[in-house]
Amino acid sequence: MKAEALRAAVFALVMVAAAAMAVVATPHIYMADQHAREKLADIVPPAFGDWEVDRSVIPVPPSPDLQQVLDATFDETLALTYRNRAGQRVMLSLAYGRNQHKGMNTHRPEVCYPAQGFRVVQGSVPVQLRVDGREIAATRVVAELGPRHEPITYWLVVGEHITHFGYAHRAVAIGYGLRGIIPDGVLVRVSSIDRDQAAAFALQERFIGDLLAAVRPLHLPRLLGAAGQGQDEP
């Protein structure tokens, strides 16, 4: 009986310790609450350089099912179409979530475009963008819907890190979680409709450079993580 009682006591102690560890290890500090967060529409200029928002373009809303998923995953989204003096258009989409553990993968172009009927005709290609004196670890994808051929450039910010979806994204989120922090983040997506993919990606890279040069330094970390820090206001 004494042996059984001892085993029961040890088992109870282990269970209590495990429960305590679970509480300690559960992230509970939201990174988003540590800093003031202005709305995405307030940090992205409506006009800069050779670009201005094309008010004649009305964004096509996602399907009700997809919209429901987006509402459950993200705290804020922004979609704008810019036009330059040459008449070229570039679409900018930002999706912000204060909890990166909620499934940012939903808005990943390789997932959300097929959910809207597109076919991915060129899979994920990692690239290093060199814009505005910075290197951005981005991804390029090409999607197609009927005659619409849409090259896409995007990158993901988790906390202070620019990262890729998949293992890298999970590793960054887990790293924060082990410190008790729930990271926020944003998905930045730029695309244009053009069958000349090389020309489209070159245009997008110029647009990204112009955009980052126009965003106030105070707000750059929202779009670039730590890569956007270290600059003073002009």
C-alpha atoms as a PDB file:
ATOM      1  CA  MET A   1       0.000   0.000   0.000  1.00  0.00           C
ATOM      2  CA  LYS A   2       2.836   2.374   0.833  1.00  0.00           C
ATOM      3  CA  ALA A   3       4.374   1.806  -2.621  1.00  0.00           C
ATOM      4  CA  GLU A   4       1.063   2.508  -4.323  1.00  0.00           C
ATOM      5  CA  ALA A   5       0.553   5.638  -2.242  1.00  0.00           C
ATOM      6  CA  LEU A   6       4.051   6.807  -3.112  1.00  0.00           C
ATOM      7  CA  ARG A   7       3.453   6.212  -6.817  1.00  0.00           C
ATOM      8  CA  ALA A   8       0.158   8.111  -6.605  1.00  0.00           C
ATOM      9  CA  ALA A   9       1.849  11.007  -4.857  1.00  0.00           C
ATOM     10  CA  VAL A  10       4.652  11.136  -7.410  1.00  0.00           C
ATOM     11  CA  PHE A  11       2.141  10.985 -10.277  1.00  0.00           C
ATOM     12  CA  ALA A  12       0.118  13.825  -8.736  1.00  0.00           C
ATOM     13  CA  LEU A  13       3.267  15.900  -8.273  1.00  0.00           C
ATOM     14  CA  VAL A  14       4.283  15.342 -11.905  1.00  0.00           C
ATOM     15  CA  MET A  15       0.830  16.364 -13.107  1.00  0.00           C
ATOM     16  CA  VAL A  16       0.898  19.542 -11.014  1.00  0.00           C
ATOM     17  CA  ALA A  17       4.381  20.378 -12.284  1.00  0.00           C
ATOM     18  CA  ALA A  18       3.310  19.776 -15.890  1.00  0.00           C
ATOM     19  CA  ALA A  19       0.292  22.009 -15.460  1.00  0.00           C
ATOM     20  CA  ALA A  20       2.458  24.738 -13.940  1.00  0.00           C
ATOM     21  CA  MET A  21       4.950  24.463 -16.796  1.00  0.00           C
ATOM     22  CA  ALA A  22       2.134  24.704 -19.327  1.00  0.00           C
ATOM     23  CA  VAL A  23       0.937  27.921 -17.731  1.00  0.00           C
ATOM     24  CA  VAL A  24       4.446  29.369 -17.647  1.00  0.00           C
ATOM     25  CA  ALA A  25       5.214  28.299 -21.224  1.00  0.00           C
ATOM     26  CA  THR A  26       1.961  29.663 -22.672  1.00  0.00           C
ATOM     27  CA  PRO A  27       2.605  32.999 -24.417  1.00  0.00           C
ATOM     28  CA  HIS A  28       0.557  35.739 -22.811  1.00  0.00           C
ATOM     29  CA  ILE A  29       2.206  39.044 -23.738  1.00  0.00           C
ATOM     30  CA  TYR A  30       0.968  40.526 -27.001  1.00  0.00           C
ATOM     31  CA  MET A  31       3.769  42.299 -28.842  1.00  0.00           C
ATOM     32  CA  ALA A  32       1.123  44.517 -30.434  1.00  0.00           C
ATOM     33  CA  ASP A  33       0.273  45.963 -27.021  1.00  0.00           C
ATOM     34  CA  GLN A  34       3.816  47.176 -26.419  1.00  0.00           C
ATOM     35  CA  HIS A  35       3.700  49.903 -29.071  1.00  0.00           C
ATOM     36  CA  ALA A  36       1.184  52.294 -30.574  1.00  0.00           C
ATOM     37  CA  ARG A  37      -0.195  50.921 -33.843  1.00  0.00           C
ATOM     38  CA  GLU A  38      -1.589  53.335 -36.387  1.00  0.00           C
ATOM     39  CA  LYS A  39      -3.995  52.042 -38.994  1.00  0.00           C
ATOM     40  CA  LEU A  40      -2.500  50.704 -42.202  1.00  0.00           C
ATOM     41  CA  ALA A  41      -4.329  53.351 -44.222  1.00  0.00           C
ATOM     42  CA  ASP A  42      -2.565  56.035 -42.159  1.00  0.00           C
ATOM     43  CA  ILE A  43       0.950  54.757 -42.819  1.00  0.00           C
ATOM     44  CA  VAL A  44       0.672  54.125 -46.569  1.00  0.00           C
ATOM     45  CA  PRO A  45       0.655  57.385 -48.557  1.00  0.00           C
ATOM     46  CA  PRO A  46      -2.097  57.788 -51.183  1.00  0.00           C
ATOM     47  CA  ALA A  47       0.444  59.399 -53.512  1.00  0.00           C
ATOM     48  CA  PHE A  48       4.233  59.253 -53.714  1.00  0.00           C
ATOM     49  CA  GLY A  49       6.861  59.604 -56.403  1.00  0.00           C
ATOM     50  CA  ASP A  50       5.259  58.746 -59.726  1.00  0.00           C
ATOM     51  CA  TRP A  51       2.369  56.900 -58.088  1.00  0.00           C
ATOM     52  CA  GLU A  52      -1.098  57.704 -56.810  1.00  0.00           C
ATOM     53  CA  VAL A  53      -4.099  55.638 -55.794  1.00  0.00           C
ATOM     54  CA  ASP A  54      -6.335  54.921 -58.771  1.00  0.00           C
ATOM     55  CA  ARG A  55      -9.796  55.727 -57.427  1.00  0.00           C
ATOM     56  CA  SER A  56     -11.425  54.356 -60.571  1.00  0.00           C
ATOM     57  CA  VAL A  57     -10.480  50.795 -59.594  1.00  0.00           C
ATOM     58  CA  ILE A  58     -12.926  49.157 -57.207  1.00  0.00           C
ATOM     59  CA  PRO A  59     -11.394  46.122 -55.456  1.00  0.00           C
ATOM     60  CA  VAL A  60     -13.275  42.867 -56.040  1.00  0.00           C
ATOM     61  CA  PRO A  61     -14.341  41.551 -52.624  1.00  0.00           C
ATOM     62  CA  PRO A  62     -13.436  37.951 -51.734  1.00  0.00           C
ATOM     63  CA  SER A  63     -16.091  35.272 -51.539  1.00  0.00           C
ATOM     64  CA  PRO A  64     -18.182  35.289 -48.328  1.00  0.00           C
ATOM     65  CA  ASP A  65     -16.490  32.088 -47.122  1.00  0.00           C
ATOM     66  CA  LEU A  66     -13.012  33.511 -47.643  1.00  0.00           C
ATOM     67  CA  GLN A  67     -14.018  36.840 -46.095  1.00  0.00           C
ATOM     68  CA  GLN A  68     -15.195  35.007 -42.988  1.00  0.00           C
ATOM     69  CA  VAL A  69     -11.810  33.292 -42.680  1.00  0.00           C
ATOM     70  CA  LEU A  70      -9.956  36.573 -43.219  1.00  0.00           C
ATOM     71  CA  ASP A  71     -12.050  38.326 -40.568  1.00  0.00           C
ATOM     72  CA  ALA A  72     -11.250  35.547 -38.094  1.00  0.00           C
ATOM     73  CA  THR A  73      -7.524  35.629 -38.889  1.00  0.00           C
ATOM     74  CA  PHE A  74      -6.623  39.281 -39.389  1.00  0.00           C
ATOM     75  CA  ASP A  75      -7.303  42.407 -37.418  1.00  0.00           C
ATOM     76  CA  GLU A  76      -6.879  44.763 -40.362  1.00  0.00           C
ATOM     77  CA  THR A  77      -6.507  44.558 -44.134  1.00  0.00           C
ATOM     78  CA  LEU A  78      -5.887  47.163 -46.803  1.00  0.00           C
ATOM     79  CA  ALA A  79      -6.114  46.853 -50.596  1.00  0.00           C
ATOM     80  CA  LEU A  80      -5.166  49.700 -52.952  1.00  0.00           C
ATOM     81  CA  THR A  81      -4.391  50.016 -56.652  1.00  0.00           C
ATOM     82  CA  TYR A  82      -1.777  52.573 -57.664  1.00  0.00           C
ATOM     83  CA  ARG A  83      -1.248  54.064 -61.131  1.00  0.00           C
ATOM     84  CA  ASN A  84       1.792  55.898 -62.451  1.00  0.00           C
ATOM     85  CA  ARG A  85       1.966  58.594 -65.131  1.00  0.00           C
ATOM     86  CA  ALA A  86       2.636  55.969 -67.778  1.00  0.00           C
ATOM     87  CA  GLY A  87      -0.672  54.309 -66.941  1.00  0.00           C
ATOM     88  CA  GLN A  88       0.895  51.231 -65.320  1.00  0.00           C
ATOM     89  CA  ARG A  89      -0.998  49.804 -62.359  1.00  0.00           C
ATOM     90  CA  VAL A  90       0.291  47.979 -59.295  1.00  0.00           C
ATOM     91  CA  MET A  91      -1.890  46.486 -56.587  1.00  0.00           C
ATOM     92  CA  LEU A  92      -0.853  46.680 -52.927  1.00  0.00           C
ATOM     93  CA  SER A  93      -2.407  44.442 -50.280  1.00  0.00           C
ATOM     94  CA  LEU A  94      -1.555  44.494 -46.572  1.00  0.00           C
ATOM     95  CA  ALA A  95      -2.945  42.049 -44.010  1.00  0.00           C
ATOM     96  CA  TYR A  96      -2.144  42.660 -40.330  1.00  0.00           C
ATOM     97  CA  GLY A  97      -2.681  40.239 -37.453  1.00  0.00           C
ATOM     98  CA  ARG A  98      -1.864  40.893 -33.803  1.00  0.00           C
ATOM     99  CA  ASN A  99      -1.609  37.150 -33.169  1.00  0.00           C
ATOM    100  CA  GLN A 100       0.722  35.279 -35.506  1.00  0.00           C
ATOM    101  CA  HIS A 101      -0.387  31.969 -34.010  1.00  0.00           C
ATOM    102  CA  LYS A 102      -3.856  32.310 -35.599  1.00  0.00           C
ATOM    103  CA  GLY A 103      -2.922  31.031 -39.036  1.00  0.00           C
ATOM    104  CA  MET A 104      -1.366  33.702 -41.248  1.00  0.00           C
ATOM    105  CA  ASN A 105      -1.100  30.987 -43.900  1.00  0.00           C
ATOM    106  CA  THR A 106      -4.708  31.767 -44.890  1.00  0.00           C
ATOM    107  CA  HIS A 107      -3.698  34.928 -46.745  1.00  0.00           C
ATOM    108  CA  ARG A 108      -0.637  33.378 -48.362  1.00  0.00           C
ATOM    109  CA  PRO A 109      -1.005  33.948 -52.135  1.00  0.00           C
ATOM    110  CA  GLU A 110      -0.457  30.251 -52.864  1.00  0.00           C
ATOM    111  CA  VAL A 111      -3.543  29.595 -50.701  1.00  0.00           C
ATOM    112  CA  CYS A 112      -5.854  32.599 -51.094  1.00  0.00           C
ATOM    113  CA  TYR A 113      -5.544  32.928 -54.893  1.00  0.00           C
ATOM    114  CA  PRO A 114      -6.664  29.327 -55.597  1.00  0.00           C
ATOM    115  CA  ALA A 115      -9.466  29.887 -53.054  1.00  0.00           C
ATOM    116  CA  GLN A 116     -10.727  32.619 -55.407  1.00  0.00           C
ATOM    117  CA  GLY A 117     -10.524  30.440 -58.519  1.00  0.00           C
ATOM    118  CA  PHE A 118      -6.994  31.270 -59.673  1.00  0.00           C
ATOM    119  CA  ARG A 119      -4.455  28.689 -60.797  1.00  0.00           C
ATOM    120  CA  VAL A 120      -0.878  29.023 -59.574  1.00  0.00           C
ATOM    121  CA  VAL A 121       1.201  28.679 -62.744  1.00  0.00           C
ATOM    122  CA  GLN A 122       4.555  29.415 -61.120  1.00  0.00           C
ATOM    123  CA  GLY A 123       5.181  28.256 -57.570  1.00  0.00           C
ATOM    124  CA  SER A 124       7.046  30.001 -54.772  1.00  0.00           C
ATOM    125  CA  VAL A 125      10.427  31.416 -55.747  1.00  0.00           C
ATOM    126  CA  PRO A 126      12.434  33.054 -52.895  1.00  0.00           C
ATOM    127  CA  VAL A 127      14.165  36.297 -53.935  1.00  0.00           C
ATOM    128  CA  GLN A 128      16.264  38.964 -52.270  1.00  0.00           C
ATOM    129  CA  LEU A 129      14.890  42.374 -53.143  1.00  0.00           C
ATOM    130  CA  ARG A 130      17.383  45.224 -52.920  1.00  0.00           C
ATOM    131  CA  VAL A 131      15.329  48.355 -52.494  1.00  0.00           C
ATOM    132  CA  ASP A 132      15.823  51.629 -50.660  1.00  0.00           C
ATOM    133  CA  GLY A 133      19.197  50.433 -49.372  1.00  0.00           C
ATOM    134  CA  ARG A 134      17.734  47.279 -47.809  1.00  0.00           C
ATOM    135  CA  GLU A 135      17.514  43.590 -48.601  1.00  0.00           C
ATOM    136  CA  ILE A 136      14.093  42.021 -48.265  1.00  0.00           C
ATOM    137  CA  ALA A 137      13.640  38.250 -48.236  1.00  0.00           C
ATOM    138  CA  ALA A 138      10.581  38.045 -50.471  1.00  0.00           C
ATOM    139  CA  THR A 139       8.752  35.418 -52.524  1.00  0.00           C
ATOM    140  CA  ARG A 140       7.479  35.555 -56.084  1.00  0.00           C
ATOM    141  CA  VAL A 141       4.478  33.635 -57.414  1.00  0.00           C
ATOM    142  CA  VAL A 142       2.454  33.824 -60.622  1.00  0.00           C
ATOM    143  CA  ALA A 143      -1.300  33.167 -60.655  1.00  0.00           C
ATOM    144  CA  GLU A 144      -3.731  33.027 -63.540  1.00  0.00           C
ATOM    145  CA  LEU A 145      -7.491  33.278 -63.960  1.00  0.00           C
ATOM    146  CA  GLY A 146      -8.640  33.086 -67.565  1.00  0.00           C
ATOM    147  CA  PRO A 147      -6.806  35.842 -69.464  1.00  0.00           C
ATOM    148  CA  ARG A 148      -5.656  37.489 -66.214  1.00  0.00           C
ATOM    149  CA  HIS A 149      -1.954  36.739 -65.688  1.00  0.00           C
ATOM    150  CA  GLU A 150      -0.835  38.124 -62.313  1.00  0.00           C
ATOM    151  CA  PRO A 151       2.804  38.062 -61.130  1.00  0.00           C
ATOM    152  CA  ILE A 152       2.974  38.545 -57.335  1.00  0.00           C
ATOM    153  CA  THR A 153       5.733  39.628 -54.958  1.00  0.00           C
ATOM    154  CA  TYR A 154       5.207  39.283 -51.216  1.00  0.00           C
ATOM    155  CA  TRP A 155       6.958  39.049 -47.876  1.00  0.00           C
ATOM    156  CA  LEU A 156       5.930  38.211 -44.333  1.00  0.00           C
ATOM    157  CA  VAL A 157       6.873  40.103 -41.175  1.00  0.00           C
ATOM    158  CA  VAL A 158       6.584  38.251 -37.857  1.00  0.00           C
ATOM    159  CA  GLY A 159       7.426  40.432 -34.896  1.00  0.00           C
ATOM    160  CA  GLU A 160      10.741  42.031 -35.828  1.00  0.00           C
ATOM    161  CA  HIS A 161      11.669  39.464 -38.472  1.00  0.00           C
ATOM    162  CA  ILE A 162      11.058  39.199 -42.207  1.00  0.00           C
ATOM    163  CA  THR A 163      10.585  35.496 -42.843  1.00  0.00           C
ATOM    164  CA  HIS A 164       9.080  32.943 -45.205  1.00  0.00           C
ATOM    165  CA  PHE A 165       6.000  30.807 -44.692  1.00  0.00           C
ATOM    166  CA  GLY A 166       6.407  27.240 -43.498  1.00  0.00           C
ATOM    167  CA  TYR A 167       9.138  26.129 -41.115  1.00  0.00           C
ATOM    168  CA  ALA A 168      10.809  29.556 -40.960  1.00  0.00           C
ATOM    169  CA  HIS A 169       7.524  31.230 -39.973  1.00  0.00           C
ATOM    170  CA  ARG A 170       6.823  28.623 -37.286  1.00  0.00           C
ATOM    171  CA  ALA A 171      10.370  28.814 -35.952  1.00  0.00           C
ATOM    172  CA  VAL A 172      10.169  32.588 -35.475  1.00  0.00           C
ATOM    173  CA  ALA A 173       6.739  32.365 -33.823  1.00  0.00           C
ATOM    174  CA  ILE A 174       7.900  29.555 -31.508  1.00  0.00           C
ATOM    175  CA  GLY A 175      11.001  31.559 -30.595  1.00  0.00           C
ATOM    176  CA  TYR A 176       8.783  34.393 -29.409  1.00  0.00           C
ATOM    177  CA  GLY A 177       6.452  31.936 -27.682  1.00  0.00           C
ATOM    178  CA  LEU A 178       9.277  30.514 -25.593  1.00  0.00           C
ATOM    179  CA  ARG A 179       9.776  34.043 -24.256  1.00  0.00           C
ATOM    180  CA  GLY A 180       6.070  34.313 -23.445  1.00  0.00           C
ATOM    181  CA  ILE A 181       5.432  36.688 -26.338  1.00  0.00           C
ATOM    182  CA  ILE A 182       2.679  36.490 -28.948  1.00  0.00           C
ATOM    183  CA  PRO A 183       4.113  38.254 -32.037  1.00  0.00           C
ATOM    184  CA  ASP A 184       2.093  40.334 -34.427  1.00  0.00           C
ATOM    185  CA  GLY A 185       2.917  40.781 -38.057  1.00  0.00           C
ATOM    186  CA  VAL A 186       1.906  41.785 -41.527  1.00  0.00           C
ATOM    187  CA  LEU A 187       1.825  40.229 -44.967  1.00  0.00           C
ATOM    188  CA  VAL A 188       2.855  42.686 -47.691  1.00  0.00           C
ATOM    189  CA  ARG A 189       1.752  41.744 -51.207  1.00  0.00           C
ATOM    190  CA  VAL A 190       2.378  43.593 -54.458  1.00  0.00           C
ATOM    191  CA  SER A 191       1.059  42.408 -57.820  1.00  0.00           C
ATOM    192  CA  SER A 192       0.265  43.558 -61.346  1.00  0.00           C
ATOM    193  CA  ILE A 193      -1.473  42.150 -64.410  1.00  0.00           C
ATOM    194  CA  ASP A 194       1.082  41.506 -67.134  1.00  0.00           C
ATOM    195  CA  ARG A 195       2.087  38.497 -69.236  1.00  0.00           C
ATOM    196  CA  ASP A 196       5.646  39.810 -69.349  1.00  0.00           C
ATOM    197  CA  GLN A 197       6.707  38.473 -65.949  1.00  0.00           C
ATOM    198  CA  ALA A 198      10.192  40.001 -66.030  1.00  0.00           C
ATOM    199  CA  ALA A 199       8.764  43.448 -66.744  1.00  0.00           C
ATOM    200  CA  ALA A 200       6.088  42.991 -64.083  1.00  0.00           C
ATOM    201  CA  PHE A 201       8.551  42.016 -61.361  1.00  0.00           C
ATOM    202  CA  ALA A 202      10.872  44.882 -62.314  1.00  0.00           C
ATOM    203  CA  LEU A 203       7.958  47.330 -62.074  1.00  0.00           C
ATOM    204  CA  GLN A 204       6.933  45.901 -58.709  1.00  0.00           C
ATOM    205  CA  GLU A 205      10.461  46.252 -57.359  1.00  0.00           C
ATOM    206  CA  ARG A 206      10.531  49.918 -58.409  1.00  0.00           C
ATOM    207  CA  PHE A 207       7.124  50.448 -56.816  1.00  0.00           C
ATOM    208  CA  ILE A 208       8.255  48.854 -53.544  1.00  0.00           C
ATOM    209  CA  GLY A 209      11.344  51.063 -53.475  1.00  0.00           C
ATOM    210  CA  ASP A 210       9.269  54.194 -54.063  1.00  0.00           C
ATOM    211  CA  LEU A 211       6.749  53.139 -51.411  1.00  0.00           C
ATOM    212  CA  LEU A 212       9.341  52.440 -48.720  1.00  0.00           C
ATOM    213  CA  ALA A 213      11.102  55.712 -49.458  1.00  0.00           C
ATOM    214  CA  ALA A 214       7.797  57.544 -48.915  1.00  0.00           C
ATOM    215  CA  VAL A 215       6.694  55.811 -45.700  1.00  0.00           C
ATOM    216  CA  ARG A 216       7.702  57.728 -42.580  1.00  0.00           C
ATOM    217  CA  PRO A 217      10.668  56.099 -40.773  1.00  0.00           C
ATOM    218  CA  LEU A 218       8.511  55.798 -37.670  1.00  0.00           C
ATOM    219  CA  HIS A 219       6.217  53.424 -39.559  1.00  0.00           C
ATOM    220  CA  LEU A 220       8.731  51.380 -41.551  1.00  0.00           C
ATOM    221  CA  PRO A 221       9.023  48.644 -38.882  1.00  0.00           C
ATOM    222  CA  ARG A 222       5.358  47.823 -39.539  1.00  0.00           C
ATOM    223  CA  LEU A 223       6.322  46.803 -43.078  1.00  0.00           C
ATOM    224  CA  LEU A 224       9.918  45.649 -42.569  1.00  0.00           C
ATOM    225  CA  GLY A 225      10.373  44.586 -38.955  1.00  0.00           C
ATOM    226  CA  ALA A 226      13.827  45.318 -37.569  1.00  0.00           C
ATOM    227  CA  ALA A 227      15.065  46.068 -41.104  1.00  0.00           C
ATOM    228  CA  GLY A 228      12.989  49.240 -40.968  1.00  0.00           C
ATOM    229  CA  GLN A 229      14.451  50.498 -37.705  1.00  0.00           C
ATOM    230  CA  GLY A 230      17.339  52.812 -37.069  1.00  0.00           C
ATOM    231  CA  GLN A 231      16.296  55.830 -39.128  1.00  0.00           C
ATOM    232  CA  ASP A 232      15.364  59.204 -37.697  1.00  0.00           C
ATOM    233  CA  GLU A 233      12.472  61.299 -38.850  1.00  0.00           C
ATOM    234  CA  PRO A 234      13.461  63.799 -41.545  1.00  0.00           C
END
